[in-house]
PDB file of N, CA and C in Angstrom:
ATOM      1  N   MET A   1      -9.205 -16.661 -12.106  1.00  0.00           N
ATOM      2  CA  MET A   1      -9.135 -16.341 -10.643  1.00  0.00           C
ATOM      3  C   MET A   1     -10.199 -15.490  -9.999  1.00  0.00           C
ATOM      4  N   GLU A   2     -10.922 -15.951  -8.990  1.00  0.00           N
ATOM      5  CA  GLU A   2     -11.532 -15.202  -8.269  1.00  0.00           C
ATOM      6  C   GLU A   2     -11.099 -14.031  -7.056  1.00  0.00           C
ATOM      7  N   LYS A   3     -11.548 -12.964  -6.971  1.00  0.00           N
ATOM      8  CA  LYS A   3     -10.956 -12.021  -6.260  1.00  0.00           C
ATOM      9  C   LYS A   3     -11.571 -12.429  -4.848  1.00  0.00           C
ATOM     10  N   ILE A   4     -10.601 -12.159  -4.006  1.00  0.00           N
ATOM     11  CA  ILE A   4     -10.788 -12.470  -2.541  1.00  0.00           C
ATOM     12  C   ILE A   4     -11.972 -11.733  -2.004  1.00  0.00           C
ATOM     13  N   GLN A   5     -12.936 -12.076  -1.203  1.00  0.00           N
ATOM     14  CA  GLN A   5     -14.260 -11.308  -0.686  1.00  0.00           C
ATOM     15  C   GLN A   5     -13.849 -11.037   0.626  1.00  0.00           C
ATOM     16  N   MET A   6     -14.780 -10.123   0.929  1.00  0.00           N
ATOM     17  CA  MET A   6     -14.706  -9.666   2.454  1.00  0.00           C
ATOM     18  C   MET A   6     -15.415 -10.859   3.358  1.00  0.00           C
ATOM     19  N   GLY A   7     -14.849 -11.269   4.365  1.00  0.00           N
ATOM     20  CA  GLY A   7     -15.440 -12.279   5.234  1.00  0.00           C
ATOM     21  C   GLY A   7     -15.147 -13.678   4.724  1.00  0.00           C
ATOM     22  N   GLN A   8     -14.571 -13.592   3.680  1.00  0.00           N
ATOM     23  CA  GLN A   8     -14.073 -14.871   2.836  1.00  0.00           C
ATOM     24  C   GLN A   8     -13.057 -15.488   4.311  1.00  0.00           C
ATOM     25  N   ARG A   9     -13.771 -17.099   4.768  1.00  0.00           N
ATOM     26  CA  ARG A   9     -13.022 -17.308   5.991  1.00  0.00           C
ATOM     27  C   ARG A   9     -11.562 -18.094   5.489  1.00  0.00           C
ATOM     28  N   TRP A  10     -11.424 -18.622   4.376  1.00  0.00           N
ATOM     29  CA  TRP A  10     -10.488 -19.657   4.053  1.00  0.00           C
ATOM     30  C   TRP A  10      -9.446 -18.934   2.697  1.00  0.00           C
ATOM     31  N   VAL A  11      -8.550 -18.360   2.842  1.00  0.00           N
ATOM     32  CA  VAL A  11      -7.757 -17.568   1.692  1.00  0.00           C
ATOM     33  C   VAL A  11      -6.362 -18.695   1.591  1.00  0.00           C
ATOM     34  N   SER A  12      -6.156 -19.120   0.299  1.00  0.00           N
ATOM     35  CA  SER A  12      -4.913 -19.873   0.035  1.00  0.00           C
ATOM     36  C   SER A  12      -3.902 -18.518  -0.541  1.00  0.00           C
ATOM     37  N   HIS A  13      -2.787 -18.613  -0.316  1.00  0.00           N
ATOM     38  CA  HIS A  13      -1.734 -17.907  -0.649  1.00  0.00           C
ATOM     39  C   HIS A  13      -1.712 -17.538  -2.238  1.00  0.00           C
ATOM     40  N   SER A  14      -1.835 -18.540  -2.778  1.00  0.00           N
ATOM     41  CA  SER A  14      -1.941 -18.518  -4.326  1.00  0.00           C
ATOM     42  C   SER A  14      -3.428 -17.990  -5.254  1.00  0.00           C
ATOM     43  N   GLN A  15      -4.327 -18.005  -4.219  1.00  0.00           N
ATOM     44  CA  GLN A  15      -5.493 -17.304  -4.606  1.00  0.00           C
ATOM     45  C   GLN A  15      -5.243 -15.393  -4.371  1.00  0.00           C
ATOM     46  N   ALA A  16      -4.404 -14.912  -3.751  1.00  0.00           N
ATOM     47  CA  ALA A  16      -4.420 -13.852  -3.333  1.00  0.00           C
ATOM     48  C   ALA A  16      -3.224 -13.165  -4.491  1.00  0.00           C
ATOM     49  N   GLN A  17      -3.963 -12.151  -5.575  1.00  0.00           N
ATOM     50  CA  GLN A  17      -3.107 -11.829  -6.383  1.00  0.00           C
ATOM     51  C   GLN A  17      -2.147 -10.872  -6.164  1.00  0.00           C
ATOM     52  N   PRO A  18      -1.051 -10.923  -6.608  1.00  0.00           N
ATOM     53  CA  PRO A  18       0.202  -9.812  -6.073  1.00  0.00           C
ATOM     54  C   PRO A  18      -0.332  -8.670  -6.736  1.00  0.00           C
ATOM     55  N   GLN A  19       0.107  -7.204  -6.328  1.00  0.00           N
ATOM     56  CA  GLN A  19      -0.247  -5.801  -6.896  1.00  0.00           C
ATOM     57  C   GLN A  19       0.857  -5.126  -6.664  1.00  0.00           C
ATOM     58  N   PRO A  20       1.371  -4.237  -7.554  1.00  0.00           N
ATOM     59  CA  PRO A  20       2.369  -3.446  -7.143  1.00  0.00           C
ATOM     60  C   PRO A  20       2.033  -2.346  -6.035  1.00  0.00           C
ATOM     61  N   ALA A  21       3.024  -1.988  -5.189  1.00  0.00           N
ATOM     62  CA  ALA A  21       2.538  -1.537  -4.093  1.00  0.00           C
ATOM     63  C   ALA A  21       3.782  -0.191  -3.778  1.00  0.00           C
ATOM     64  N   GLY A  22       4.283   0.274  -4.789  1.00  0.00           N
ATOM     65  CA  GLY A  22       5.372   1.146  -4.317  1.00  0.00           C
ATOM     66  C   GLY A  22       6.702   0.457  -5.216  1.00  0.00           C
ATOM     67  N   GLU A  23       7.699   1.406  -5.285  1.00  0.00           N
ATOM     68  CA  GLU A  23       8.860   0.885  -5.721  1.00  0.00           C
ATOM     69  C   GLU A  23       9.741  -0.333  -5.133  1.00  0.00           C
ATOM     70  N   GLY A  24       9.761  -1.238  -5.793  1.00  0.00           N
ATOM     71  CA  GLY A  24      10.274  -2.571  -5.030  1.00  0.00           C
ATOM     72  C   GLY A  24       9.479  -3.510  -4.217  1.00  0.00           C
ATOM     73  N   VAL A  25       8.261  -3.308  -4.269  1.00  0.00           N
ATOM     74  CA  VAL A  25       7.191  -3.518  -3.404  1.00  0.00           C
ATOM     75  C   VAL A  25       5.762  -4.539  -4.139  1.00  0.00           C
ATOM     76  N   THR A  26       5.558  -5.432  -3.728  1.00  0.00           N
ATOM     77  CA  THR A  26       4.458  -6.228  -4.322  1.00  0.00           C
ATOM     78  C   THR A  26       3.568  -6.716  -2.855  1.00  0.00           C
ATOM     79  N   ARG A  27       2.328  -6.035  -2.985  1.00  0.00           N
ATOM     80  CA  ARG A  27       1.281  -6.397  -1.927  1.00  0.00           C
ATOM     81  C   ARG A  27       0.250  -7.286  -2.193  1.00  0.00           C
ATOM     82  N   ARG A  28      -0.166  -8.469  -1.227  1.00  0.00           N
ATOM     83  CA  ARG A  28      -1.069  -9.526  -1.599  1.00  0.00           C
ATOM     84  C   ARG A  28      -2.014  -9.136  -0.229  1.00  0.00           C
ATOM     85  N   VAL A  29      -3.366  -8.706  -0.740  1.00  0.00           N
ATOM     86  CA  VAL A  29      -4.353  -8.654   0.406  1.00  0.00           C
ATOM     87  C   VAL A  29      -4.692  -9.999   0.689  1.00  0.00           C
ATOM     88  N   LEU A  30      -4.759 -10.551   1.988  1.00  0.00           N
ATOM     89  CA  LEU A  30      -5.144 -11.812   2.337  1.00  0.00           C
ATOM     90  C   LEU A  30      -6.507 -11.781   2.741  1.00  0.00           C
ATOM     91  N   ALA A  31      -6.760 -12.439   4.004  1.00  0.00           N
ATOM     92  CA  ALA A  31      -7.898 -12.544   4.887  1.00  0.00           C
ATOM     93  C   ALA A  31      -8.435 -11.152   5.190  1.00  0.00           C
ATOM     94  N   TYR A  32      -9.676 -10.726   5.117  1.00  0.00           N
ATOM     95  CA  TYR A  32     -10.221  -9.395   5.549  1.00  0.00           C
ATOM     96  C   TYR A  32     -11.741  -9.333   5.783  1.00  0.00           C
ATOM     97  N   GLY A  33     -12.122  -8.661   7.054  1.00  0.00           N
ATOM     98  CA  GLY A  33     -13.487  -8.429   7.207  1.00  0.00           C
ATOM     99  C   GLY A  33     -13.497  -6.931   7.520  1.00  0.00           C
ATOM    100  N   ARG A  34     -14.721  -6.426   7.524  1.00  0.00           N
ATOM    101  CA  ARG A  34     -14.846  -5.004   7.906  1.00  0.00           C
ATOM    102  C   ARG A  34     -13.866  -4.254   8.964  1.00  0.00           C
ATOM    103  N   ASP A  35     -13.511  -5.024  10.196  1.00  0.00           N
ATOM    104  CA  ASP A  35     -12.905  -4.494  11.190  1.00  0.00           C
ATOM    105  C   ASP A  35     -11.415  -5.098  11.008  1.00  0.00           C
ATOM    106  N   ALA A  36     -10.813  -5.870  10.324  1.00  0.00           N
ATOM    107  CA  ALA A  36      -9.514  -6.148  10.431  1.00  0.00           C
ATOM    108  C   ALA A  36      -9.067  -6.657   9.131  1.00  0.00           C
ATOM    109  N   MET A  37      -7.806  -6.659   8.544  1.00  0.00           N
ATOM    110  CA  MET A  37      -7.202  -7.078   7.350  1.00  0.00           C
ATOM    111  C   MET A  37      -5.613  -7.461   7.682  1.00  0.00           C
ATOM    112  N   CYS A  38      -5.324  -8.471   6.925  1.00  0.00           N
ATOM    113  CA  CYS A  38      -3.946  -9.091   6.930  1.00  0.00           C
ATOM    114  C   CYS A  38      -3.609  -8.897   5.427  1.00  0.00           C
ATOM    115  N   VAL A  39      -2.311  -8.249   5.316  1.00  0.00           N
ATOM    116  CA  VAL A  39      -1.476  -8.128   4.091  1.00  0.00           C
ATOM    117  C   VAL A  39      -0.284  -8.485   4.067  1.00  0.00           C
ATOM    118  N   GLU A  40       0.162  -9.139   2.922  1.00  0.00           N
ATOM    119  CA  GLU A  40       1.401  -9.570   2.834  1.00  0.00           C
ATOM    120  C   GLU A  40       2.364  -8.653   1.847  1.00  0.00           C
ATOM    121  N   ASN A  41       3.429  -7.946   2.351  1.00  0.00           N
ATOM    122  CA  ASN A  41       4.400  -7.220   1.539  1.00  0.00           C
ATOM    123  C   ASN A  41       5.481  -7.745   1.358  1.00  0.00           C
ATOM    124  N   VAL A  42       5.894  -7.853  -0.111  1.00  0.00           N
ATOM    125  CA  VAL A  42       7.223  -8.533  -0.382  1.00  0.00           C
ATOM    126  C   VAL A  42       8.047  -7.520  -1.000  1.00  0.00           C
ATOM    127  N   PHE A  43       9.164  -7.233  -0.240  1.00  0.00           N
ATOM    128  CA  PHE A  43      10.228  -6.007  -0.449  1.00  0.00           C
ATOM    129  C   PHE A  43      11.306  -6.836  -1.241  1.00  0.00           C
ATOM    130  N   GLU A  44      11.907  -5.973  -2.270  1.00  0.00           N
ATOM    131  CA  GLU A  44      13.061  -6.024  -2.815  1.00  0.00           C
ATOM    132  C   GLU A  44      14.006  -5.276  -2.245  1.00  0.00           C
ATOM    133  N   THR A  45      15.514  -5.680  -1.961  1.00  0.00           N
ATOM    134  CA  THR A  45      16.256  -4.895  -1.557  1.00  0.00           C
ATOM    135  C   THR A  45      16.333  -3.518  -2.084  1.00  0.00           C
ATOM    136  N   GLY A  46      16.173  -2.223  -1.554  1.00  0.00           N
ATOM    137  CA  GLY A  46      16.112  -1.191  -1.847  1.00  0.00           C
ATOM    138  C   GLY A  46      14.583  -0.546  -2.125  1.00  0.00           C
ATOM    139  N   GLY A  47      13.645  -1.494  -2.010  1.00  0.00           N
ATOM    140  CA  GLY A  47      12.149  -1.362  -2.077  1.00  0.00           C
ATOM    141  C   GLY A  47      11.778  -0.167  -1.128  1.00  0.00           C
ATOM    142  N   VAL A  48      10.870   0.704  -1.160  1.00  0.00           N
ATOM    143  CA  VAL A  48      10.623   1.757  -0.306  1.00  0.00           C
ATOM    144  C   VAL A  48       9.092   1.930   0.095  1.00  0.00           C
ATOM    145  N   GLY A  49       8.710   1.767   1.291  1.00  0.00           N
ATOM    146  CA  GLY A  49       7.260   1.883   1.606  1.00  0.00           C
ATOM    147  C   GLY A  49       7.328   3.678   2.018  1.00  0.00           C
ATOM    148  N   ALA A  50       6.614   4.555   0.893  1.00  0.00           N
ATOM    149  CA  ALA A  50       6.915   5.802   1.269  1.00  0.00           C
ATOM    150  C   ALA A  50       6.229   6.396   2.446  1.00  0.00           C
ATOM    151  N   LEU A  51       6.669   7.411   3.109  1.00  0.00           N
ATOM    152  CA  LEU A  51       6.087   7.973   4.410  1.00  0.00           C
ATOM    153  C   LEU A  51       4.667   8.400   4.008  1.00  0.00           C
ATOM    154  N   HIS A  52       3.779   8.055   4.937  1.00  0.00           N
ATOM    155  CA  HIS A  52       2.188   8.570   4.547  1.00  0.00           C
ATOM    156  C   HIS A  52       1.854   7.947   6.164  1.00  0.00           C
ATOM    157  N   SER A  53       0.470   8.424   6.234  1.00  0.00           N
ATOM    158  CA  SER A  53      -0.458   8.191   7.268  1.00  0.00           C
ATOM    159  C   SER A  53      -1.865   7.533   6.602  1.00  0.00           C
ATOM    160  N   HIS A  54      -2.575   7.069   7.780  1.00  0.00           N
ATOM    161  CA  HIS A  54      -3.704   6.710   7.616  1.00  0.00           C
ATOM    162  C   HIS A  54      -4.866   6.630   8.588  1.00  0.00           C
ATOM    163  N   PRO A  55      -6.103   6.657   8.516  1.00  0.00           N
ATOM    164  CA  PRO A  55      -6.661   6.438   9.794  1.00  0.00           C
ATOM    165  C   PRO A  55      -6.983   5.339  10.109  1.00  0.00           C
ATOM    166  N   HIS A  56      -6.050   4.343  10.339  1.00  0.00           N
ATOM    167  CA  HIS A  56      -5.967   3.003  10.702  1.00  0.00           C
ATOM    168  C   HIS A  56      -5.235   2.680  11.779  1.00  0.00           C
ATOM    169  N   THR A  57      -5.163   1.575  12.239  1.00  0.00           N
ATOM    170  CA  THR A  57      -4.085   1.275  13.292  1.00  0.00           C
ATOM    171  C   THR A  57      -3.601   0.159  12.403  1.00  0.00           C
ATOM    172  N   GLN A  58      -2.047   0.071  12.515  1.00  0.00           N
ATOM    173  CA  GLN A  58      -1.479  -0.877  11.722  1.00  0.00           C
ATOM    174  C   GLN A  58      -0.375  -1.509  12.493  1.00  0.00           C
ATOM    175  N   ILE A  59      -0.391  -3.020  12.515  1.00  0.00           N
ATOM    176  CA  ILE A  59       0.795  -3.730  13.113  1.00  0.00           C
ATOM    177  C   ILE A  59       1.480  -4.658  12.119  1.00  0.00           C
ATOM    178  N   THR A  60       2.745  -4.033  12.112  1.00  0.00           N
ATOM    179  CA  THR A  60       3.732  -5.008  11.207  1.00  0.00           C
ATOM    180  C   THR A  60       4.471  -5.828  11.851  1.00  0.00           C
ATOM    181  N   TYR A  61       4.472  -7.199  11.220  1.00  0.00           N
ATOM    182  CA  TYR A  61       5.453  -8.217  11.736  1.00  0.00           C
ATOM    183  C   TYR A  61       6.475  -8.338  10.845  1.00  0.00           C
ATOM    184  N   VAL A  62       7.730  -8.379  10.927  1.00  0.00           N
ATOM    185  CA  VAL A  62       8.772  -8.560  10.098  1.00  0.00           C
ATOM    186  C   VAL A  62       8.941 -10.206  10.089  1.00  0.00           C
ATOM    187  N   VAL A  63       8.740 -10.487   8.777  1.00  0.00           N
ATOM    188  CA  VAL A  63       8.865 -12.146   8.755  1.00  0.00           C
ATOM    189  C   VAL A  63      10.325 -12.280   8.282  1.00  0.00           C
ATOM    190  N   SER A  64      10.780 -11.806   7.037  1.00  0.00           N
ATOM    191  CA  SER A  64      12.005 -11.760   6.700  1.00  0.00           C
ATOM    192  C   SER A  64      12.542 -10.331   6.382  1.00  0.00           C
ATOM    193  N   GLY A  65      14.010 -10.484   6.021  1.00  0.00           N
ATOM    194  CA  GLY A  65      14.630  -9.118   5.665  1.00  0.00           C
ATOM    195  C   GLY A  65      14.937  -8.171   6.765  1.00  0.00           C
ATOM    196  N   ARG A  66      15.508  -6.895   6.391  1.00  0.00           N
ATOM    197  CA  ARG A  66      16.047  -5.925   7.124  1.00  0.00           C
ATOM    198  C   ARG A  66      15.521  -4.667   6.610  1.00  0.00           C
ATOM    199  N   TYR A  67      15.086  -3.869   7.582  1.00  0.00           N
ATOM    200  CA  TYR A  67      14.297  -2.366   7.103  1.00  0.00           C
ATOM    201  C   TYR A  67      14.729  -1.415   7.982  1.00  0.00           C
ATOM    202  N   ARG A  68      14.547  -0.340   7.429  1.00  0.00           N
ATOM    203  CA  ARG A  68      14.853   1.105   8.157  1.00  0.00           C
ATOM    204  C   ARG A  68      13.373   1.449   7.941  1.00  0.00           C
ATOM    205  N   PHE A  69      13.094   1.691   9.198  1.00  0.00           N
ATOM    206  CA  PHE A  69      11.579   2.143   9.278  1.00  0.00           C
ATOM    207  C   PHE A  69      11.520   3.516  10.178  1.00  0.00           C
ATOM    208  N   THR A  70      10.615   4.346   9.826  1.00  0.00           N
ATOM    209  CA  THR A  70      10.335   5.607  10.464  1.00  0.00           C
ATOM    210  C   THR A  70       8.889   5.781  10.946  1.00  0.00           C
ATOM    211  N   ILE A  71       8.678   5.721  12.043  1.00  0.00           N
ATOM    212  CA  ILE A  71       7.374   5.933  12.654  1.00  0.00           C
ATOM    213  C   ILE A  71       7.519   7.244  13.766  1.00  0.00           C
ATOM    214  N   GLY A  72       6.641   8.140  13.271  1.00  0.00           N
ATOM    215  CA  GLY A  72       6.614   9.287  13.770  1.00  0.00           C
ATOM    216  C   GLY A  72       7.779  10.095  13.735  1.00  0.00           C
ATOM    217  N   ASP A  73       8.531  10.437  14.761  1.00  0.00           N
ATOM    218  CA  ASP A  73       9.859  11.209  14.677  1.00  0.00           C
ATOM    219  C   ASP A  73      10.976  10.129  15.044  1.00  0.00           C
ATOM    220  N   GLU A  74      10.709   8.924  15.180  1.00  0.00           N
ATOM    221  CA  GLU A  74      11.855   7.934  15.346  1.00  0.00           C
ATOM    222  C   GLU A  74      12.228   6.644  14.148  1.00  0.00           C
ATOM    223  N   THR A  75      13.605   6.843  13.823  1.00  0.00           N
ATOM    224  CA  THR A  75      14.135   5.734  13.025  1.00  0.00           C
ATOM    225  C   THR A  75      14.775   4.546  13.484  1.00  0.00           C
ATOM    226  N   ARG A  76      14.410   3.406  13.135  1.00  0.00           N
ATOM    227  CA  ARG A  76      15.239   2.321  13.756  1.00  0.00           C
ATOM    228  C   ARG A  76      15.468   1.155  12.699  1.00  0.00           C
ATOM    229  N   GLU A  77      16.400   0.429  12.459  1.00  0.00           N
ATOM    230  CA  GLU A  77      16.570  -0.745  11.810  1.00  0.00           C
ATOM    231  C   GLU A  77      15.996  -2.068  12.728  1.00  0.00           C
ATOM    232  N   VAL A  78      15.176  -2.975  11.646  1.00  0.00           N
ATOM    233  CA  VAL A  78      14.247  -3.848  12.365  1.00  0.00           C
ATOM    234  C   VAL A  78      14.740  -5.153  11.375  1.00  0.00           C
ATOM    235  N   GLY A  79      14.280  -6.340  11.967  1.00  0.00           N
ATOM    236  CA  GLY A  79      14.693  -7.510  11.116  1.00  0.00           C
ATOM    237  C   GLY A  79      13.493  -8.682  11.668  1.00  0.00           C
ATOM    238  N   PRO A  80      14.029  -9.726  11.197  1.00  0.00           N
ATOM    239  CA  PRO A  80      12.858 -10.984  11.480  1.00  0.00           C
ATOM    240  C   PRO A  80      12.333 -10.968  12.936  1.00  0.00           C
ATOM    241  N   GLY A  81      11.092 -11.275  13.163  1.00  0.00           N
ATOM    242  CA  GLY A  81      10.529 -11.387  14.249  1.00  0.00           C
ATOM    243  C   GLY A  81      10.223  -9.936  15.147  1.00  0.00           C
ATOM    244  N   ASP A  82      10.814  -8.928  14.735  1.00  0.00           N
ATOM    245  CA  ASP A  82      10.398  -7.742  15.340  1.00  0.00           C
ATOM    246  C   ASP A  82       8.898  -7.230  14.912  1.00  0.00           C
ATOM    247  N   THR A  83       8.298  -6.687  15.789  1.00  0.00           N
ATOM    248  CA  THR A  83       6.777  -5.984  15.514  1.00  0.00           C
ATOM    249  C   THR A  83       6.718  -4.601  15.823  1.00  0.00           C
ATOM    250  N   LEU A  84       6.032  -3.930  14.865  1.00  0.00           N
ATOM    251  CA  LEU A  84       6.009  -2.300  14.919  1.00  0.00           C
ATOM    252  C   LEU A  84       4.344  -2.142  15.179  1.00  0.00           C
ATOM    253  N   LEU A  85       4.344  -0.855  15.813  1.00  0.00           N
ATOM    254  CA  LEU A  85       2.803  -0.387  15.974  1.00  0.00           C
ATOM    255  C   LEU A  85       2.700   0.859  15.589  1.00  0.00           C
ATOM    256  N   LYS A  86       1.980   1.214  14.366  1.00  0.00           N
ATOM    257  CA  LYS A  86       1.696   2.092  13.692  1.00  0.00           C
ATOM    258  C   LYS A  86       0.162   2.868  13.975  1.00  0.00           C
ATOM    259  N   GLU A  87       0.205   3.638  15.023  1.00  0.00           N
ATOM    260  CA  GLU A  87      -1.182   3.990  15.205  1.00  0.00           C
ATOM    261  C   GLU A  87      -1.978   5.058  14.359  1.00  0.00           C
ATOM    262  N   GLU A  88      -3.150   5.120  14.259  1.00  0.00           N
ATOM    263  CA  GLU A  88      -3.659   5.986  13.075  1.00  0.00           C
ATOM    264  C   GLU A  88      -3.426   7.416  13.268  1.00  0.00           C
ATOM    265  N   GLY A  89      -3.080   7.910  11.795  1.00  0.00           N
ATOM    266  CA  GLY A  89      -2.391   9.457  11.827  1.00  0.00           C
ATOM    267  C   GLY A  89      -1.119   9.484  11.931  1.00  0.00           C
ATOM    268  N   VAL A  90      -0.486   8.459  12.546  1.00  0.00           N
ATOM    269  CA  VAL A  90       1.103   8.606  12.486  1.00  0.00           C
ATOM    270  C   VAL A  90       1.828   8.313  11.417  1.00  0.00           C
ATOM    271  N   VAL A  91       2.603   9.196  11.146  1.00  0.00           N
ATOM    272  CA  VAL A  91       3.515   9.224   9.671  1.00  0.00           C
ATOM    273  C   VAL A  91       4.352   7.942   9.882  1.00  0.00           C
ATOM    274  N   HIS A  92       4.334   7.514   8.864  1.00  0.00           N
ATOM    275  CA  HIS A  92       5.540   5.925   8.938  1.00  0.00           C
ATOM    276  C   HIS A  92       5.767   5.609   7.375  1.00  0.00           C
ATOM    277  N   GLY A  93       6.995   5.015   7.360  1.00  0.00           N
ATOM    278  CA  GLY A  93       7.399   4.406   6.325  1.00  0.00           C
ATOM    279  C   GLY A  93       8.712   3.685   6.398  1.00  0.00           C
ATOM    280  N   CYS A  94       9.428   2.960   5.348  1.00  0.00           N
ATOM    281  CA  CYS A  94      10.445   2.206   5.473  1.00  0.00           C
ATOM    282  C   CYS A  94      11.213   2.153   4.120  1.00  0.00           C
ATOM    283  N   THR A  95      12.530   1.738   4.259  1.00  0.00           N
ATOM    284  CA  THR A  95      13.420   1.393   3.096  1.00  0.00           C
ATOM    285  C   THR A  95      13.972   0.129   3.605  1.00  0.00           C
ATOM    286  N   CYS A  96      13.734  -0.978   2.406  1.00  0.00           N
ATOM    287  CA  CYS A  96      14.142  -2.238   2.613  1.00  0.00           C
ATOM    288  C   CYS A  96      15.729  -2.214   2.469  1.00  0.00           C
ATOM    289  N   LEU A  97      16.447  -2.832   3.504  1.00  0.00           N
ATOM    290  CA  LEU A  97      18.070  -3.133   3.452  1.00  0.00           C
ATOM    291  C   LEU A  97      18.367  -4.172   2.976  1.00  0.00           C
ATOM    292  N   GLU A  98      17.629  -5.439   3.154  1.00  0.00           N
ATOM    293  CA  GLU A  98      17.608  -6.782   2.828  1.00  0.00           C
ATOM    294  C   GLU A  98      16.461  -7.011   2.253  1.00  0.00           C
ATOM    295  N   GLY A  99      16.066  -7.632   1.076  1.00  0.00           N
ATOM    296  CA  GLY A  99      14.970  -8.472   0.716  1.00  0.00           C
ATOM    297  C   GLY A  99      14.007  -8.983   1.734  1.00  0.00           C
ATOM    298  N   GLY A 100      12.805  -8.999   1.864  1.00  0.00           N
ATOM    299  CA  GLY A 100      11.942  -9.634   2.356  1.00  0.00           C
ATOM    300  C   GLY A 100      10.847  -9.660   2.667  1.00  0.00           C
ATOM    301  N   ILE A 101       9.712  -9.982   3.589  1.00  0.00           N
ATOM    302  CA  ILE A 101       8.379  -9.993   3.594  1.00  0.00           C
ATOM    303  C   ILE A 101       7.994  -9.454   5.038  1.00  0.00           C
ATOM    304  N   LEU A 102       7.030  -8.481   5.045  1.00  0.00           N
ATOM    305  CA  LEU A 102       6.583  -7.756   6.091  1.00  0.00           C
ATOM    306  C   LEU A 102       4.902  -8.296   6.038  1.00  0.00           C
ATOM    307  N   LEU A 103       4.175  -8.450   7.130  1.00  0.00           N
ATOM    308  CA  LEU A 103       3.307  -8.798   7.350  1.00  0.00           C
ATOM    309  C   LEU A 103       2.348  -7.882   8.267  1.00  0.00           C
ATOM    310  N   ASP A 104       1.267  -7.199   7.430  1.00  0.00           N
ATOM    311  CA  ASP A 104       0.671  -6.036   8.075  1.00  0.00           C
ATOM    312  C   ASP A 104      -0.742  -6.328   8.474  1.00  0.00           C
ATOM    313  N   PHE A 105      -1.111  -6.202  10.027  1.00  0.00           N
ATOM    314  CA  PHE A 105      -2.568  -6.142  10.171  1.00  0.00           C
ATOM    315  C   PHE A 105      -3.212  -4.893  10.068  1.00  0.00           C
ATOM    316  N   PHE A 106      -4.410  -4.676   9.653  1.00  0.00           N
ATOM    317  CA  PHE A 106      -4.906  -3.219   9.999  1.00  0.00           C
ATOM    318  C   PHE A 106      -6.235  -3.420  10.725  1.00  0.00           C
ATOM    319  N   THR A 107      -6.685  -2.589  11.534  1.00  0.00           N
ATOM    320  CA  THR A 107      -7.935  -2.305  12.204  1.00  0.00           C
ATOM    321  C   THR A 107      -8.564  -0.802  11.701  1.00  0.00           C
ATOM    322  N   ARG A 108      -9.473  -0.513  11.409  1.00  0.00           N
ATOM    323  CA  ARG A 108     -10.378  -1.315  10.387  1.00  0.00           C
ATOM    324  C   ARG A 108      -9.701  -1.584   9.157  1.00  0.00           C
ATOM    325  N   MET A 109     -10.523  -2.237   8.133  1.00  0.00           N
ATOM    326  CA  MET A 109      -9.907  -2.701   7.077  1.00  0.00           C
ATOM    327  C   MET A 109      -9.371  -1.630   5.807  1.00  0.00           C
ATOM    328  N   ARG A 110      -8.435  -2.078   5.109  1.00  0.00           N
ATOM    329  CA  ARG A 110      -8.080  -0.802   4.180  1.00  0.00           C
ATOM    330  C   ARG A 110      -9.046  -0.773   2.880  1.00  0.00           C
ATOM    331  N   GLU A 111      -9.997   0.107   2.681  1.00  0.00           N
ATOM    332  CA  GLU A 111     -10.948  -0.381   1.975  1.00  0.00           C
ATOM    333  C   GLU A 111     -10.225   0.282   0.423  1.00  0.00           C
ATOM    334  N   ASP A 112      -9.085   1.164   0.500  1.00  0.00           N
ATOM    335  CA  ASP A 112      -8.514   1.499  -0.786  1.00  0.00           C
ATOM    336  C   ASP A 112      -7.538   0.296  -0.964  1.00  0.00           C
ATOM    337  N   PHE A 113      -7.557  -0.702  -0.418  1.00  0.00           N
ATOM    338  CA  PHE A 113      -6.619  -1.868  -1.063  1.00  0.00           C
ATOM    339  C   PHE A 113      -7.277  -2.748  -1.750  1.00  0.00           C
ATOM    340  N   VAL A 114      -8.738  -2.926  -1.783  1.00  0.00           N
ATOM    341  CA  VAL A 114      -9.852  -3.718  -2.406  1.00  0.00           C
ATOM    342  C   VAL A 114     -10.434  -3.053  -3.546  1.00  0.00           C
TER     343      VAL A 114
END
């Protein structure tokens, strides 16, 4: 199976190889270009997205599941349909309360993911 390439216009889900991304988390890098990237994260209940920051703006859309997210100095529980903004340099992370899927959009693309 070929690796997804920067600028690839069509990406089928089966083409995106899952990679471990932390305790109870699997990541699939989907379509991306130099200025944007879409990433699917599948969480098991209890999975952890460790607290971290990066020089990218990130928007997360909760497709399914329930999560306890911390963004900066605020912590909230979120579920399907909720959207979160994590601006560059802001510390953020989560714990999965009920297994599900998060869809992340980054500007600029995350070179460390490819």
